[in-house]
Each structure stands twice: as C-alpha cells, then as structure tokens.
Amino acid sequence: MKIWSRSGAVCISAAVVTCAAVAQEHWSAPEAAAKRRNPIPTNAASLEQGRQLFKQNCIVCHGAEGRGDGPAAASLKPQPADLAIMAGHHPEGDLAWKIANGRGAMPAWNKTLSEDQIWMLVNYVKTLRAPPGSPQGTGHGHHH
C-alpha cells in the first residue's frame, strides 16, 4: 500500500504541475486594462522611441524581430512569446498591461519605464505583426 501511496502522490504531483503549466500559458490583462486606448499617437517619433526601447530592453529575450528567439530565450520557462503573432491578436491595452506588470521571467517594466514609454513600446510591437499566412516564427507560441 505504501508503494501505491507514493505512486499516487507522484501522479497527483504530476497532474498539479501539468495543470499549473497549462494555466500559466493563458495570460490575459484584466478587462478594464485590455480596453484601454493608447494615448500615444503612432507616428515616426513614437515608433523610433519604441524601437529604441525594444532594442535596449526586449531583444535579449524576444529577439530582434520579436519572435521569442533572443539570446536568453532558451533558458527561460515559459519561453518568451512570439510578439509577431501576439501583436495581431491582442488589443493595445492588453499588450501595455503585460509590459507594465510582467509575469514569471517577464519583468514588470512599470518601475523602469514611464507609462508613455510603455505605450511607445506597444506602438513598436504592433509593427512586428506577422503578415497573414506567414510562417509562425519559432513556435514559442502565443503565450497569453
């Protein structure tokens, strides 16, 4: 009976870990945050500032094209999202909230970047959007 208990505990532990991993995959901003509109106009100046911020803060994990393939990506769990996919499926407010608040290996940038800088990053991330029918990048997927 002791062996069964040990096996049962292992099975239960494995199920809990599996459920936690699945739950971690889905990441959504609170509804009110997701509905927020970007107060920063999408223009050449905000896109350039967003590009610079992305280069300074995001490339190491998300990669130069936002595909989740930066130099640090392989060591992160979960791996960084493919922003080229995410950009086409998430409202601006959702992206801003995720940048600001972070989760797991994704840092919360709200202590480092101003709200305007976060919105400029959102403007830039939207430019990474993969065209319809294009390859899905690295397959690190659409980590909500």
Protein backbone atom coordinates (compact mmCIF):
# COMPACT_ATOMS: atom_id res chain seq x y z
CA MET A 1 0.00 0.00 0.00
CA LYS A 2 2.88 2.33 0.73
CA ILE A 3 4.15 1.96 -2.85
CA TRP A 4 0.71 2.83 -4.20
CA SER A 5 0.57 5.93 -1.97
CA ARG A 6 3.93 7.06 -3.23
CA SER A 7 2.91 6.43 -6.86
CA GLY A 8 -0.40 8.16 -6.24
CA ALA A 9 1.41 11.17 -4.79
CA VAL A 10 3.69 11.28 -7.83
CA CYS A 11 0.69 11.11 -10.17
CA ILE A 12 -1.13 13.83 -8.25
CA SER A 13 2.02 15.98 -8.20
CA ALA A 14 2.48 15.50 -11.94
CA ALA A 15 -1.16 16.45 -12.56
CA VAL A 16 -0.80 19.60 -10.46
CA VAL A 17 2.38 20.61 -12.30
CA THR A 18 0.73 19.92 -15.65
CA CYS A 19 -2.34 21.97 -14.71
CA ALA A 20 -0.15 24.80 -13.45
CA ALA A 21 1.82 24.80 -16.72
CA VAL A 22 -1.39 24.89 -18.76
CA ALA A 23 -2.80 27.67 -16.58
CA GLN A 24 0.42 29.64 -17.00
CA GLU A 25 0.05 29.56 -20.79
CA HIS A 26 -3.09 31.70 -20.68
CA TRP A 27 -2.26 35.23 -19.64
CA SER A 28 -4.79 37.99 -20.05
CA ALA A 29 -4.91 41.53 -18.77
CA PRO A 30 -7.89 42.49 -16.62
CA GLU A 31 -10.78 43.52 -18.86
CA ALA A 32 -10.59 47.24 -17.99
CA ALA A 33 -6.83 47.30 -18.70
CA ALA A 34 -7.24 45.44 -22.00
CA LYS A 35 -9.80 48.02 -23.15
CA ARG A 36 -7.50 50.99 -22.54
CA ARG A 37 -6.67 53.00 -25.62
CA ASN A 38 -3.14 54.03 -26.46
CA PRO A 39 -2.76 57.77 -25.73
CA ILE A 40 0.47 57.97 -27.76
CA PRO A 41 -0.07 58.57 -31.49
CA THR A 42 1.55 56.06 -33.81
CA ASN A 43 3.94 58.27 -35.73
CA ALA A 44 7.60 58.22 -36.80
CA ALA A 45 8.82 59.70 -33.50
CA SER A 46 6.92 57.29 -31.21
CA LEU A 47 7.83 54.30 -33.39
CA GLU A 48 11.53 55.22 -33.26
CA GLN A 49 11.42 55.69 -29.49
CA GLY A 50 9.58 52.37 -29.17
CA ARG A 51 12.18 50.69 -31.39
CA GLN A 52 15.00 52.04 -29.23
CA LEU A 53 13.26 50.89 -26.04
CA PHE A 54 12.69 47.45 -27.58
CA LYS A 55 16.35 47.26 -28.58
CA GLN A 56 17.51 48.25 -25.08
CA ASN A 57 15.10 46.16 -23.04
CA CYS A 58 13.40 43.42 -25.04
CA ILE A 59 15.72 41.95 -27.68
CA VAL A 60 17.67 39.78 -25.24
CA CYS A 61 14.54 37.65 -24.68
CA HIS A 62 12.19 38.36 -27.59
CA GLY A 63 14.85 38.67 -30.33
CA ALA A 64 15.39 41.39 -32.92
CA GLU A 65 12.16 40.60 -34.76
CA GLY A 66 10.15 39.79 -31.65
CA ARG A 67 9.92 36.08 -32.46
CA GLY A 68 10.80 34.90 -28.95
CA ASP A 69 14.27 33.83 -30.07
CA GLY A 70 16.60 36.23 -28.28
CA PRO A 71 19.90 35.03 -26.78
CA ALA A 72 18.33 34.46 -23.34
CA ALA A 73 15.15 32.78 -24.65
CA ALA A 74 16.30 29.16 -24.48
CA SER A 75 16.91 29.37 -20.72
CA LEU A 76 13.51 30.88 -19.89
CA LYS A 77 10.39 28.96 -18.85
CA PRO A 78 7.98 29.66 -20.32
CA GLN A 79 9.89 30.84 -23.34
CA PRO A 80 9.21 34.40 -24.50
CA ALA A 81 6.14 34.96 -26.62
CA ASP A 82 6.35 35.39 -30.36
CA LEU A 83 5.31 39.05 -30.49
CA ALA A 84 4.82 38.91 -34.26
CA ILE A 85 1.90 36.58 -33.57
CA MET A 86 0.68 38.30 -30.40
CA ALA A 87 0.61 41.76 -31.96
CA GLY A 88 -2.16 40.74 -34.30
CA HIS A 89 -4.31 39.05 -31.66
CA HIS A 90 -4.23 41.35 -28.64
CA PRO A 91 -5.60 44.83 -28.06
CA GLU A 92 -3.15 47.61 -27.26
CA GLY A 93 -4.29 47.79 -23.64
CA ASP A 94 -3.57 44.09 -23.15
CA LEU A 95 -0.05 44.49 -24.50
CA ALA A 96 0.60 47.60 -22.36
CA TRP A 97 -0.63 45.85 -19.21
CA LYS A 98 1.59 42.82 -19.85
CA ILE A 99 4.64 45.03 -20.44
CA ALA A 100 3.89 47.06 -17.32
CA ASN A 101 3.13 44.14 -14.99
CA GLY A 102 5.17 41.24 -16.30
CA ARG A 103 4.84 37.61 -15.20
CA GLY A 104 7.36 34.92 -14.39
CA ALA A 105 10.55 35.58 -16.34
CA MET A 106 8.93 38.62 -18.00
CA PRO A 107 9.85 41.58 -15.78
CA ALA A 108 7.37 44.24 -14.76
CA TRP A 109 8.60 47.30 -16.64
CA ASN A 110 6.34 49.79 -14.81
CA LYS A 111 9.12 50.54 -12.30
CA THR A 112 11.69 51.17 -15.06
CA LEU A 113 9.72 52.71 -17.93
CA SER A 114 7.21 55.54 -17.87
CA GLU A 115 3.65 54.91 -18.98
CA ASP A 116 4.35 56.87 -22.19
CA GLN A 117 7.40 54.68 -22.88
CA ILE A 118 5.31 51.54 -22.39
CA TRP A 119 2.75 52.84 -24.91
CA MET A 120 5.59 53.66 -27.35
CA LEU A 121 6.74 50.06 -26.99
CA VAL A 122 3.18 48.95 -27.79
CA ASN A 123 3.26 51.08 -30.95
CA TYR A 124 6.53 49.44 -31.99
CA VAL A 125 5.44 45.89 -31.08
CA LYS A 126 2.41 46.34 -33.38
CA THR A 127 4.84 46.85 -36.29
CA LEU A 128 6.26 43.37 -35.67
CA ARG A 129 2.93 41.79 -36.60
CA ALA A 130 3.38 38.83 -38.91
CA PRO A 131 1.51 39.17 -42.21
CA PRO A 132 -1.44 36.77 -42.59
CA GLY A 133 -0.30 33.39 -43.89
CA SER A 134 3.33 33.91 -42.88
CA PRO A 135 5.33 31.25 -41.01
CA GLN A 136 4.63 31.14 -37.29
CA GLY A 137 8.14 32.08 -36.16
CA THR A 138 9.95 29.97 -33.60
CA GLY A 139 6.85 28.25 -32.35
CA HIS A 140 7.25 29.66 -28.83
CA GLY A 141 3.69 30.38 -29.46
CA HIS A 142 1.10 32.66 -28.33
CA HIS A 143 1.74 32.83 -24.59
CA HIS A 144 -1.14 34.82 -23.26
